[in-house]
Amino acid sequence: MEPVEGTLVINIGDIVQVWSNDRYQAPLHRVLASDRAERYSLPFFYNPSYDAEYAPLDALTNETSPPRYRPINWGEFRWKRQQGDYANYGQENQISDYRIPRTASS
């Protein structure tokens, strides 16, 4: 996607994707350097307590739109994610690892 001049891009992150039951998708974050234009980046991360549990919000789930994720403990998720951040300890943990498998009838 090409940048739009004068705009602000906000990466909502995995928690909003889970809360919204996939209504809002968190993009994969891959920064590509460019020698054609200046780029300003101001990352700000606001993380919950490591004890926090999160799941799709009740207001966004029902019989026709059941929860797509199991409850997730932030500390567990973050620990597994950081294992792939700095060293090769196996596959990097993704939010999709917490999806509830669907059967053909669901």
PDB file of N, CA and C in Angstrom:
ATOM      1  N   MET A   1       0.846  -1.170   0.000  1.00  0.00           N
ATOM      2  CA  MET A   1       0.000   0.000   0.000  1.00  0.00           C
ATOM      3  C   MET A   1       0.894   1.236   0.000  1.00  0.00           C
ATOM      4  N   GLU A   2       0.579   2.160  -0.862  1.00  0.00           N
ATOM      5  CA  GLU A   2       1.334   3.405  -0.947  1.00  0.00           C
ATOM      6  C   GLU A   2       0.905   4.347   0.179  1.00  0.00           C
ATOM      7  N   PRO A   3       1.862   5.061   0.774  1.00  0.00           N
ATOM      8  CA  PRO A   3       1.495   6.021   1.820  1.00  0.00           C
ATOM      9  C   PRO A   3       0.656   7.165   1.252  1.00  0.00           C
ATOM     10  N   VAL A   4      -0.233   7.680   2.063  1.00  0.00           N
ATOM     11  CA  VAL A   4      -1.078   8.813   1.680  1.00  0.00           C
ATOM     12  C   VAL A   4      -0.553  10.031   2.433  1.00  0.00           C
ATOM     13  N   GLU A   5      -0.128  11.024   1.684  1.00  0.00           N
ATOM     14  CA  GLU A   5       0.468  12.212   2.284  1.00  0.00           C
ATOM     15  C   GLU A   5      -0.488  12.867   3.281  1.00  0.00           C
ATOM     16  N   GLY A   6       0.073  13.283   4.420  1.00  0.00           N
ATOM     17  CA  GLY A   6      -0.704  13.991   5.428  1.00  0.00           C
ATOM     18  C   GLY A   6      -1.567  13.093   6.310  1.00  0.00           C
ATOM     19  N   THR A   7      -1.338  11.781   6.238  1.00  0.00           N
ATOM     20  CA  THR A   7      -2.146  10.873   7.045  1.00  0.00           C
ATOM     21  C   THR A   7      -1.325  10.246   8.159  1.00  0.00           C
ATOM     22  N   LEU A   8      -2.018   9.652   9.084  1.00  0.00           N
ATOM     23  CA  LEU A   8      -1.416   8.964  10.208  1.00  0.00           C
ATOM     24  C   LEU A   8      -1.862   7.509  10.135  1.00  0.00           C
ATOM     25  N   VAL A   9      -0.922   6.594  10.210  1.00  0.00           N
ATOM     26  CA  VAL A   9      -1.233   5.170  10.180  1.00  0.00           C
ATOM     27  C   VAL A   9      -1.162   4.634  11.595  1.00  0.00           C
ATOM     28  N   ILE A  10      -2.205   3.928  12.002  1.00  0.00           N
ATOM     29  CA  ILE A  10      -2.240   3.335  13.338  1.00  0.00           C
ATOM     30  C   ILE A  10      -2.393   1.829  13.176  1.00  0.00           C
ATOM     31  N   ASN A  11      -1.426   1.095  13.681  1.00  0.00           N
ATOM     32  CA  ASN A  11      -1.498  -0.358  13.677  1.00  0.00           C
ATOM     33  C   ASN A  11      -2.230  -0.758  14.948  1.00  0.00           C
ATOM     34  N   ILE A  12      -3.439  -1.308  14.799  1.00  0.00           N
ATOM     35  CA  ILE A  12      -4.269  -1.599  15.962  1.00  0.00           C
ATOM     36  C   ILE A  12      -3.750  -2.737  16.810  1.00  0.00           C
ATOM     37  N   GLY A  13      -3.026  -3.641  16.240  1.00  0.00           N
ATOM     38  CA  GLY A  13      -2.441  -4.730  17.001  1.00  0.00           C
ATOM     39  C   GLY A  13      -3.370  -5.919  17.196  1.00  0.00           C
ATOM     40  N   ASP A  14      -2.776  -6.974  17.716  1.00  0.00           N
ATOM     41  CA  ASP A  14      -3.461  -8.251  17.855  1.00  0.00           C
ATOM     42  C   ASP A  14      -4.632  -8.232  18.829  1.00  0.00           C
ATOM     43  N   ILE A  15      -4.528  -7.470  19.911  1.00  0.00           N
ATOM     44  CA  ILE A  15      -5.605  -7.487  20.908  1.00  0.00           C
ATOM     45  C   ILE A  15      -6.905  -6.953  20.318  1.00  0.00           C
ATOM     46  N   VAL A  16      -6.846  -5.876  19.549  1.00  0.00           N
ATOM     47  CA  VAL A  16      -8.068  -5.333  18.936  1.00  0.00           C
ATOM     48  C   VAL A  16      -8.623  -6.321  17.920  1.00  0.00           C
ATOM     49  N   GLN A  17      -7.759  -7.032  17.217  1.00  0.00           N
ATOM     50  CA  GLN A  17      -8.234  -8.051  16.286  1.00  0.00           C
ATOM     51  C   GLN A  17      -9.026  -9.122  17.034  1.00  0.00           C
ATOM     52  N   VAL A  18      -8.514  -9.562  18.169  1.00  0.00           N
ATOM     53  CA  VAL A  18      -9.209 -10.578  18.962  1.00  0.00           C
ATOM     54  C   VAL A  18     -10.488  -9.999  19.553  1.00  0.00           C
ATOM     55  N   TRP A  19     -10.421  -8.820  20.180  1.00  0.00           N
ATOM     56  CA  TRP A  19     -11.623  -8.206  20.770  1.00  0.00           C
ATOM     57  C   TRP A  19     -12.726  -8.078  19.730  1.00  0.00           C
ATOM     58  N   SER A  20     -12.349  -7.677  18.508  1.00  0.00           N
ATOM     59  CA  SER A  20     -13.346  -7.428  17.460  1.00  0.00           C
ATOM     60  C   SER A  20     -13.762  -8.713  16.737  1.00  0.00           C
ATOM     61  N   ASN A  21     -13.215  -9.846  17.154  1.00  0.00           N
ATOM     62  CA  ASN A  21     -13.545 -11.133  16.537  1.00  0.00           C
ATOM     63  C   ASN A  21     -13.274 -11.097  15.029  1.00  0.00           C
ATOM     64  N   ASP A  22     -12.156 -10.486  14.658  1.00  0.00           N
ATOM     65  CA  ASP A  22     -11.671 -10.350  13.276  1.00  0.00           C
ATOM     66  C   ASP A  22     -12.383  -9.271  12.461  1.00  0.00           C
ATOM     67  N   ARG A  23     -13.232  -8.462  13.085  1.00  0.00           N
ATOM     68  CA  ARG A  23     -13.835  -7.348  12.342  1.00  0.00           C
ATOM     69  C   ARG A  23     -12.727  -6.395  11.890  1.00  0.00           C
ATOM     70  N   TYR A  24     -11.748  -6.163  12.761  1.00  0.00           N
ATOM     71  CA  TYR A  24     -10.583  -5.328  12.439  1.00  0.00           C
ATOM     72  C   TYR A  24      -9.358  -6.230  12.441  1.00  0.00           C
ATOM     73  N   GLN A  25      -8.604  -6.197  11.348  1.00  0.00           N
ATOM     74  CA  GLN A  25      -7.430  -7.049  11.192  1.00  0.00           C
ATOM     75  C   GLN A  25      -6.163  -6.279  11.538  1.00  0.00           C
ATOM     76  N   ALA A  26      -5.324  -6.889  12.333  1.00  0.00           N
ATOM     77  CA  ALA A  26      -4.011  -6.319  12.633  1.00  0.00           C
ATOM     78  C   ALA A  26      -3.062  -6.708  11.503  1.00  0.00           C
ATOM     79  N   PRO A  27      -2.439  -5.740  10.846  1.00  0.00           N
ATOM     80  CA  PRO A  27      -1.532  -6.087   9.745  1.00  0.00           C
ATOM     81  C   PRO A  27      -0.223  -6.669  10.267  1.00  0.00           C
ATOM     82  N   LEU A  28       0.398  -7.499   9.454  1.00  0.00           N
ATOM     83  CA  LEU A  28       1.751  -7.926   9.782  1.00  0.00           C
ATOM     84  C   LEU A  28       2.631  -6.687   9.696  1.00  0.00           C
ATOM     85  N   HIS A  29       3.483  -6.497  10.671  1.00  0.00           N
ATOM     86  CA  HIS A  29       4.309  -5.305  10.702  1.00  0.00           C
ATOM     87  C   HIS A  29       5.688  -5.627  10.163  1.00  0.00           C
ATOM     88  N   ARG A  30       5.942  -5.164   8.973  1.00  0.00           N
ATOM     89  CA  ARG A  30       7.237  -5.351   8.328  1.00  0.00           C
ATOM     90  C   ARG A  30       7.664  -3.997   7.776  1.00  0.00           C
ATOM     91  N   VAL A  31       8.718  -3.433   8.340  1.00  0.00           N
ATOM     92  CA  VAL A  31       9.201  -2.119   7.906  1.00  0.00           C
ATOM     93  C   VAL A  31      10.197  -2.300   6.778  1.00  0.00           C
ATOM     94  N   LEU A  32       9.969  -1.567   5.702  1.00  0.00           N
ATOM     95  CA  LEU A  32      10.890  -1.569   4.573  1.00  0.00           C
ATOM     96  C   LEU A  32      11.531  -0.194   4.454  1.00  0.00           C
ATOM     97  N   ALA A  33      12.848  -0.168   4.470  1.00  0.00           N
ATOM     98  CA  ALA A  33      13.554   1.101   4.336  1.00  0.00           C
ATOM     99  C   ALA A  33      13.441   1.601   2.896  1.00  0.00           C
ATOM    100  N   SER A  34      13.410   2.911   2.742  1.00  0.00           N
ATOM    101  CA  SER A  34      13.309   3.496   1.417  1.00  0.00           C
ATOM    102  C   SER A  34      14.315   4.631   1.301  1.00  0.00           C
ATOM    103  N   ASP A  35      15.021   4.673   0.186  1.00  0.00           N
ATOM    104  CA  ASP A  35      15.948   5.785  -0.041  1.00  0.00           C
ATOM    105  C   ASP A  35      15.289   6.879  -0.885  1.00  0.00           C
ATOM    106  N   ARG A  36      13.985   6.705  -1.201  1.00  0.00           N
ATOM    107  CA  ARG A  36      13.253   7.673  -2.025  1.00  0.00           C
ATOM    108  C   ARG A  36      12.575   8.766  -1.204  1.00  0.00           C
ATOM    109  N   ALA A  37      12.274   8.494   0.052  1.00  0.00           N
ATOM    110  CA  ALA A  37      11.541   9.481   0.844  1.00  0.00           C
ATOM    111  C   ALA A  37      11.864   9.314   2.321  1.00  0.00           C
ATOM    112  N   GLU A  38      11.724  10.434   3.045  1.00  0.00           N
ATOM    113  CA  GLU A  38      11.904  10.354   4.489  1.00  0.00           C
ATOM    114  C   GLU A  38      10.707   9.660   5.111  1.00  0.00           C
ATOM    115  N   ARG A  39      10.960   9.014   6.215  1.00  0.00           N
ATOM    116  CA  ARG A  39       9.889   8.331   6.931  1.00  0.00           C
ATOM    117  C   ARG A  39      10.067   8.628   8.412  1.00  0.00           C
ATOM    118  N   TYR A  40       8.993   9.013   9.052  1.00  0.00           N
ATOM    119  CA  TYR A  40       9.007   9.249  10.490  1.00  0.00           C
ATOM    120  C   TYR A  40       8.196   8.158  11.158  1.00  0.00           C
ATOM    121  N   SER A  41       8.743   7.597  12.204  1.00  0.00           N
ATOM    122  CA  SER A  41       8.053   6.539  12.924  1.00  0.00           C
ATOM    123  C   SER A  41       8.139   6.833  14.408  1.00  0.00           C
ATOM    124  N   LEU A  42       7.007   6.769  15.061  1.00  0.00           N
ATOM    125  CA  LEU A  42       6.957   7.012  16.495  1.00  0.00           C
ATOM    126  C   LEU A  42       6.214   5.858  17.148  1.00  0.00           C
ATOM    127  N   PRO A  43       6.910   4.755  17.409  1.00  0.00           N
ATOM    128  CA  PRO A  43       6.208   3.616  17.994  1.00  0.00           C
ATOM    129  C   PRO A  43       5.834   3.880  19.448  1.00  0.00           C
ATOM    130  N   PHE A  44       4.664   3.444  19.793  1.00  0.00           N
ATOM    131  CA  PHE A  44       4.177   3.518  21.164  1.00  0.00           C
ATOM    132  C   PHE A  44       3.425   2.231  21.432  1.00  0.00           C
ATOM    133  N   PHE A  45       3.852   1.500  22.411  1.00  0.00           N
ATOM    134  CA  PHE A  45       3.221   0.233  22.737  1.00  0.00           C
ATOM    135  C   PHE A  45       2.594   0.338  24.117  1.00  0.00           C
ATOM    136  N   TYR A  46       1.331   0.050  24.178  1.00  0.00           N
ATOM    137  CA  TYR A  46       0.604   0.058  25.442  1.00  0.00           C
ATOM    138  C   TYR A  46       0.122  -1.361  25.672  1.00  0.00           C
ATOM    139  N   ASN A  47       0.770  -2.037  26.588  1.00  0.00           N
ATOM    140  CA  ASN A  47       0.478  -3.445  26.812  1.00  0.00           C
ATOM    141  C   ASN A  47      -0.262  -3.655  28.128  1.00  0.00           C
ATOM    142  N   PRO A  48      -1.115  -4.673  28.155  1.00  0.00           N
ATOM    143  CA  PRO A  48      -1.817  -4.986  29.398  1.00  0.00           C
ATOM    144  C   PRO A  48      -0.885  -5.667  30.400  1.00  0.00           C
ATOM    145  N   SER A  49      -1.383  -5.906  31.590  1.00  0.00           N
ATOM    146  CA  SER A  49      -0.665  -6.664  32.605  1.00  0.00           C
ATOM    147  C   SER A  49      -0.417  -8.068  32.086  1.00  0.00           C
ATOM    148  N   TYR A  50       0.677  -8.673  32.495  1.00  0.00           N
ATOM    149  CA  TYR A  50       0.965 -10.040  32.063  1.00  0.00           C
ATOM    150  C   TYR A  50      -0.083 -11.034  32.567  1.00  0.00           C
ATOM    151  N   ASP A  51      -0.866 -10.656  33.571  1.00  0.00           N
ATOM    152  CA  ASP A  51      -1.937 -11.514  34.087  1.00  0.00           C
ATOM    153  C   ASP A  51      -3.239 -11.361  33.306  1.00  0.00           C
ATOM    154  N   ALA A  52      -3.318 -10.377  32.428  1.00  0.00           N
ATOM    155  CA  ALA A  52      -4.572 -10.076  31.718  1.00  0.00           C
ATOM    156  C   ALA A  52      -4.971 -11.209  30.775  1.00  0.00           C
ATOM    157  N   GLU A  53      -6.273 -11.460  30.752  1.00  0.00           N
ATOM    158  CA  GLU A  53      -6.867 -12.413  29.814  1.00  0.00           C
ATOM    159  C   GLU A  53      -7.739 -11.617  28.857  1.00  0.00           C
ATOM    160  N   TYR A  54      -7.671 -11.916  27.587  1.00  0.00           N
ATOM    161  CA  TYR A  54      -8.542 -11.241  26.627  1.00  0.00           C
ATOM    162  C   TYR A  54      -9.108 -12.251  25.641  1.00  0.00           C
ATOM    163  N   ALA A  55     -10.267 -11.903  25.080  1.00  0.00           N
ATOM    164  CA  ALA A  55     -11.005 -12.782  24.174  1.00  0.00           C
ATOM    165  C   ALA A  55     -11.960 -11.902  23.373  1.00  0.00           C
ATOM    166  N   PRO A  56     -12.607 -12.452  22.352  1.00  0.00           N
ATOM    167  CA  PRO A  56     -13.594 -11.659  21.617  1.00  0.00           C
ATOM    168  C   PRO A  56     -14.660 -11.099  22.565  1.00  0.00           C
ATOM    169  N   LEU A  57     -15.046  -9.846  22.336  1.00  0.00           N
ATOM    170  CA  LEU A  57     -16.039  -9.193  23.183  1.00  0.00           C
ATOM    171  C   LEU A  57     -17.417  -9.813  22.977  1.00  0.00           C
ATOM    172  N   ASP A  58     -18.132 -10.001  24.076  1.00  0.00           N
ATOM    173  CA  ASP A  58     -19.475 -10.585  24.011  1.00  0.00           C
ATOM    174  C   ASP A  58     -20.385  -9.817  23.055  1.00  0.00           C
ATOM    175  N   ALA A  59     -20.247  -8.497  23.014  1.00  0.00           N
ATOM    176  CA  ALA A  59     -21.106  -7.671  22.160  1.00  0.00           C
ATOM    177  C   ALA A  59     -20.889  -7.945  20.667  1.00  0.00           C
ATOM    178  N   LEU A  60     -19.773  -8.577  20.322  1.00  0.00           N
ATOM    179  CA  LEU A  60     -19.463  -8.837  18.913  1.00  0.00           C
ATOM    180  C   LEU A  60     -19.531 -10.318  18.546  1.00  0.00           C
ATOM    181  N   THR A  61     -20.084 -11.121  19.442  1.00  0.00           N
ATOM    182  CA  THR A  61     -20.244 -12.542  19.150  1.00  0.00           C
ATOM    183  C   THR A  61     -21.695 -12.948  19.388  1.00  0.00           C
ATOM    184  N   ASN A  62     -22.143 -13.943  18.643  1.00  0.00           N
ATOM    185  CA  ASN A  62     -23.495 -14.480  18.809  1.00  0.00           C
ATOM    186  C   ASN A  62     -23.544 -15.835  18.113  1.00  0.00           C
ATOM    187  N   GLU A  63     -24.750 -16.392  17.945  1.00  0.00           N
ATOM    188  CA  GLU A  63     -24.871 -17.713  17.320  1.00  0.00           C
ATOM    189  C   GLU A  63     -24.355 -17.735  15.886  1.00  0.00           C
ATOM    190  N   THR A  64     -24.593 -16.668  15.142  1.00  0.00           N
ATOM    191  CA  THR A  64     -24.135 -16.635  13.751  1.00  0.00           C
ATOM    192  C   THR A  64     -22.686 -16.158  13.609  1.00  0.00           C
ATOM    193  N   SER A  65     -22.160 -15.551  14.655  1.00  0.00           N
ATOM    194  CA  SER A  65     -20.770 -15.106  14.663  1.00  0.00           C
ATOM    195  C   SER A  65     -20.131 -15.524  15.988  1.00  0.00           C
ATOM    196  N   PRO A  66     -19.835 -16.821  16.130  1.00  0.00           N
ATOM    197  CA  PRO A  66     -19.256 -17.307  17.383  1.00  0.00           C
ATOM    198  C   PRO A  66     -17.826 -16.800  17.571  1.00  0.00           C
ATOM    199  N   PRO A  67     -17.312 -16.849  18.798  1.00  0.00           N
ATOM    200  CA  PRO A  67     -15.926 -16.415  19.034  1.00  0.00           C
ATOM    201  C   PRO A  67     -14.958 -17.177  18.133  1.00  0.00           C
ATOM    202  N   ARG A  68     -14.021 -16.448  17.574  1.00  0.00           N
ATOM    203  CA  ARG A  68     -13.017 -17.064  16.693  1.00  0.00           C
ATOM    204  C   ARG A  68     -11.705 -17.334  17.412  1.00  0.00           C
ATOM    205  N   TYR A  69     -11.600 -16.871  18.673  1.00  0.00           N
ATOM    206  CA  TYR A  69     -10.381 -17.067  19.452  1.00  0.00           C
ATOM    207  C   TYR A  69     -10.729 -17.599  20.833  1.00  0.00           C
ATOM    208  N   ARG A  70      -9.861 -18.427  21.352  1.00  0.00           N
ATOM    209  CA  ARG A  70      -9.999 -18.853  22.735  1.00  0.00           C
ATOM    210  C   ARG A  70      -9.463 -17.728  23.623  1.00  0.00           C
ATOM    211  N   PRO A  71      -9.821 -17.711  24.913  1.00  0.00           N
ATOM    212  CA  PRO A  71      -9.232 -16.695  25.792  1.00  0.00           C
ATOM    213  C   PRO A  71      -7.703 -16.811  25.778  1.00  0.00           C
ATOM    214  N   ILE A  72      -7.053 -15.658  25.789  1.00  0.00           N
ATOM    215  CA  ILE A  72      -5.594 -15.603  25.681  1.00  0.00           C
ATOM    216  C   ILE A  72      -5.030 -14.879  26.894  1.00  0.00           C
ATOM    217  N   ASN A  73      -4.015 -15.462  27.492  1.00  0.00           N
ATOM    218  CA  ASN A  73      -3.293 -14.804  28.575  1.00  0.00           C
ATOM    219  C   ASN A  73      -2.180 -13.972  27.938  1.00  0.00           C
ATOM    220  N   TRP A  74      -2.170 -12.665  28.226  1.00  0.00           N
ATOM    221  CA  TRP A  74      -1.188 -11.773  27.600  1.00  0.00           C
ATOM    222  C   TRP A  74       0.239 -12.196  27.914  1.00  0.00           C
ATOM    223  N   GLY A  75       0.523 -12.581  29.150  1.00  0.00           N
ATOM    224  CA  GLY A  75       1.881 -12.988  29.518  1.00  0.00           C
ATOM    225  C   GLY A  75       2.359 -14.181  28.719  1.00  0.00           C
ATOM    226  N   GLU A  76       1.483 -15.176  28.537  1.00  0.00           N
ATOM    227  CA  GLU A  76       1.820 -16.353  27.732  1.00  0.00           C
ATOM    228  C   GLU A  76       2.074 -15.950  26.280  1.00  0.00           C
ATOM    229  N   PHE A  77       1.159 -15.149  25.731  1.00  0.00           N
ATOM    230  CA  PHE A  77       1.303 -14.715  24.341  1.00  0.00           C
ATOM    231  C   PHE A  77       2.605 -13.944  24.140  1.00  0.00           C
ATOM    232  N   ARG A  78       2.867 -12.981  25.007  1.00  0.00           N
ATOM    233  CA  ARG A  78       4.057 -12.141  24.850  1.00  0.00           C
ATOM    234  C   ARG A  78       5.337 -12.941  25.011  1.00  0.00           C
ATOM    235  N   TRP A  79       5.351 -13.887  25.966  1.00  0.00           N
ATOM    236  CA  TRP A  79       6.529 -14.718  26.171  1.00  0.00           C
ATOM    237  C   TRP A  79       6.831 -15.534  24.917  1.00  0.00           C
ATOM    238  N   LYS A  80       5.792 -16.169  24.371  1.00  0.00           N
ATOM    239  CA  LYS A  80       6.002 -16.973  23.169  1.00  0.00           C
ATOM    240  C   LYS A  80       6.398 -16.105  21.976  1.00  0.00           C
ATOM    241  N   ARG A  81       5.816 -14.922  21.876  1.00  0.00           N
ATOM    242  CA  ARG A  81       6.156 -14.016  20.765  1.00  0.00           C
ATOM    243  C   ARG A  81       7.616 -13.594  20.846  1.00  0.00           C
ATOM    244  N   GLN A  82       8.083 -13.214  22.016  1.00  0.00           N
ATOM    245  CA  GLN A  82       9.463 -12.720  22.119  1.00  0.00           C
ATOM    246  C   GLN A  82      10.485 -13.806  21.854  1.00  0.00           C
ATOM    247  N   GLN A  83      10.094 -15.061  21.982  1.00  0.00           N
ATOM    248  CA  GLN A  83      11.017 -16.149  21.665  1.00  0.00           C
ATOM    249  C   GLN A  83      11.463 -16.085  20.211  1.00  0.00           C
ATOM    250  N   GLY A  84      10.605 -15.575  19.334  1.00  0.00           N
ATOM    251  CA  GLY A  84      10.966 -15.451  17.925  1.00  0.00           C
ATOM    252  C   GLY A  84      11.513 -14.086  17.557  1.00  0.00           C
ATOM    253  N   ASP A  85      11.512 -13.137  18.518  1.00  0.00           N
ATOM    254  CA  ASP A  85      11.977 -11.786  18.217  1.00  0.00           C
ATOM    255  C   ASP A  85      13.490 -11.682  18.051  1.00  0.00           C
ATOM    256  N   TYR A  86      14.244 -12.374  18.878  1.00  0.00           N
ATOM    257  CA  TYR A  86      15.686 -12.155  18.917  1.00  0.00           C
ATOM    258  C   TYR A  86      16.519 -13.391  18.626  1.00  0.00           C
ATOM    259  N   ALA A  87      15.891 -14.540  18.579  1.00  0.00           N
ATOM    260  CA  ALA A  87      16.645 -15.771  18.343  1.00  0.00           C
ATOM    261  C   ALA A  87      15.742 -16.777  17.636  1.00  0.00           C
ATOM    262  N   ASN A  88      16.349 -17.766  17.075  1.00  0.00           N
ATOM    263  CA  ASN A  88      15.574 -18.770  16.361  1.00  0.00           C
ATOM    264  C   ASN A  88      15.271 -19.936  17.301  1.00  0.00           C
ATOM    265  N   TYR A  89      14.173 -19.799  18.058  1.00  0.00           N
ATOM    266  CA  TYR A  89      13.744 -20.861  18.963  1.00  0.00           C
ATOM    267  C   TYR A  89      12.561 -21.614  18.382  1.00  0.00           C
ATOM    268  N   GLY A  90      12.386 -21.553  17.080  1.00  0.00           N
ATOM    269  CA  GLY A  90      11.257 -22.220  16.457  1.00  0.00           C
ATOM    270  C   GLY A  90      10.351 -21.215  15.792  1.00  0.00           C
ATOM    271  N   GLN A  91       9.119 -21.620  15.522  1.00  0.00           N
ATOM    272  CA  GLN A  91       8.168 -20.764  14.819  1.00  0.00           C
ATOM    273  C   GLN A  91       7.731 -19.592  15.697  1.00  0.00           C
ATOM    274  N   GLU A  92       7.677 -18.402  15.108  1.00  0.00           N
ATOM    275  CA  GLU A  92       7.222 -17.226  15.843  1.00  0.00           C
ATOM    276  C   GLU A  92       5.733 -17.366  16.169  1.00  0.00           C
ATOM    277  N   ASN A  93       5.374 -17.064  17.384  1.00  0.00           N
ATOM    278  CA  ASN A  93       4.001 -17.116  17.855  1.00  0.00           C
ATOM    279  C   ASN A  93       3.173 -16.036  17.172  1.00  0.00           C
ATOM    280  N   GLN A  94       2.042 -16.429  16.594  1.00  0.00           N
ATOM    281  CA  GLN A  94       1.140 -15.501  15.919  1.00  0.00           C
ATOM    282  C   GLN A  94      -0.238 -15.567  16.572  1.00  0.00           C
ATOM    283  N   ILE A  95      -1.032 -14.524  16.394  1.00  0.00           N
ATOM    284  CA  ILE A  95      -2.379 -14.510  16.966  1.00  0.00           C
ATOM    285  C   ILE A  95      -3.219 -15.639  16.382  1.00  0.00           C
ATOM    286  N   SER A  96      -2.929 -16.040  15.164  1.00  0.00           N
ATOM    287  CA  SER A  96      -3.667 -17.140  14.538  1.00  0.00           C
ATOM    288  C   SER A  96      -3.480 -18.466  15.278  1.00  0.00           C
ATOM    289  N   ASP A  97      -2.423 -18.578  16.076  1.00  0.00           N
ATOM    290  CA  ASP A  97      -2.207 -19.786  16.870  1.00  0.00           C
ATOM    291  C   ASP A  97      -3.290 -19.964  17.943  1.00  0.00           C
ATOM    292  N   TYR A  98      -4.060 -18.918  18.215  1.00  0.00           N
ATOM    293  CA  TYR A  98      -5.087 -18.950  19.258  1.00  0.00           C
ATOM    294  C   TYR A  98      -6.501 -19.044  18.678  1.00  0.00           C
ATOM    295  N   ARG A  99      -6.593 -19.187  17.363  1.00  0.00           N
ATOM    296  CA  ARG A  99      -7.918 -19.323  16.720  1.00  0.00           C
ATOM    297  C   ARG A  99      -8.562 -20.626  17.134  1.00  0.00           C
ATOM    298  N   ILE A 100      -9.868 -20.591  17.257  1.00  0.00           N
ATOM    299  CA  ILE A 100     -10.631 -21.795  17.553  1.00  0.00           C
ATOM    300  C   ILE A 100     -10.874 -22.517  16.226  1.00  0.00           C
ATOM    301  N   PRO A 101     -10.447 -23.776  16.124  1.00  0.00           N
ATOM    302  CA  PRO A 101     -10.682 -24.513  14.872  1.00  0.00           C
ATOM    303  C   PRO A 101     -12.186 -24.658  14.621  1.00  0.00           C
ATOM    304  N   ARG A 102     -12.566 -24.502  13.386  1.00  0.00           N
ATOM    305  CA  ARG A 102     -13.972 -24.616  12.987  1.00  0.00           C
ATOM    306  C   ARG A 102     -14.183 -25.934  12.272  1.00  0.00           C
ATOM    307  N   THR A 103     -15.306 -26.554  12.532  1.00  0.00           N
ATOM    308  CA  THR A 103     -15.681 -27.767  11.817  1.00  0.00           C
ATOM    309  C   THR A 103     -16.447 -27.378  10.572  1.00  0.00           C
ATOM    310  N   ALA A 104     -16.696 -28.329   9.696  1.00  0.00           N
ATOM    311  CA  ALA A 104     -17.420 -28.054   8.460  1.00  0.00           C
ATOM    312  C   ALA A 104     -18.823 -27.505   8.731  1.00  0.00           C
ATOM    313  N   SER A 105     -19.410 -27.861   9.872  1.00  0.00           N
ATOM    314  CA  SER A 105     -20.760 -27.405  10.184  1.00  0.00           C
ATOM    315  C   SER A 105     -20.789 -26.058  10.887  1.00  0.00           C
ATOM    316  N   SER A 106     -19.642 -25.544  11.308  1.00  0.00           N
ATOM    317  CA  SER A 106     -19.647 -24.255  12.009  1.00  0.00           C
ATOM    318  C   SER A 106     -19.036 -23.138  11.211  1.00  0.00           C
TER     319      SER A 106
END
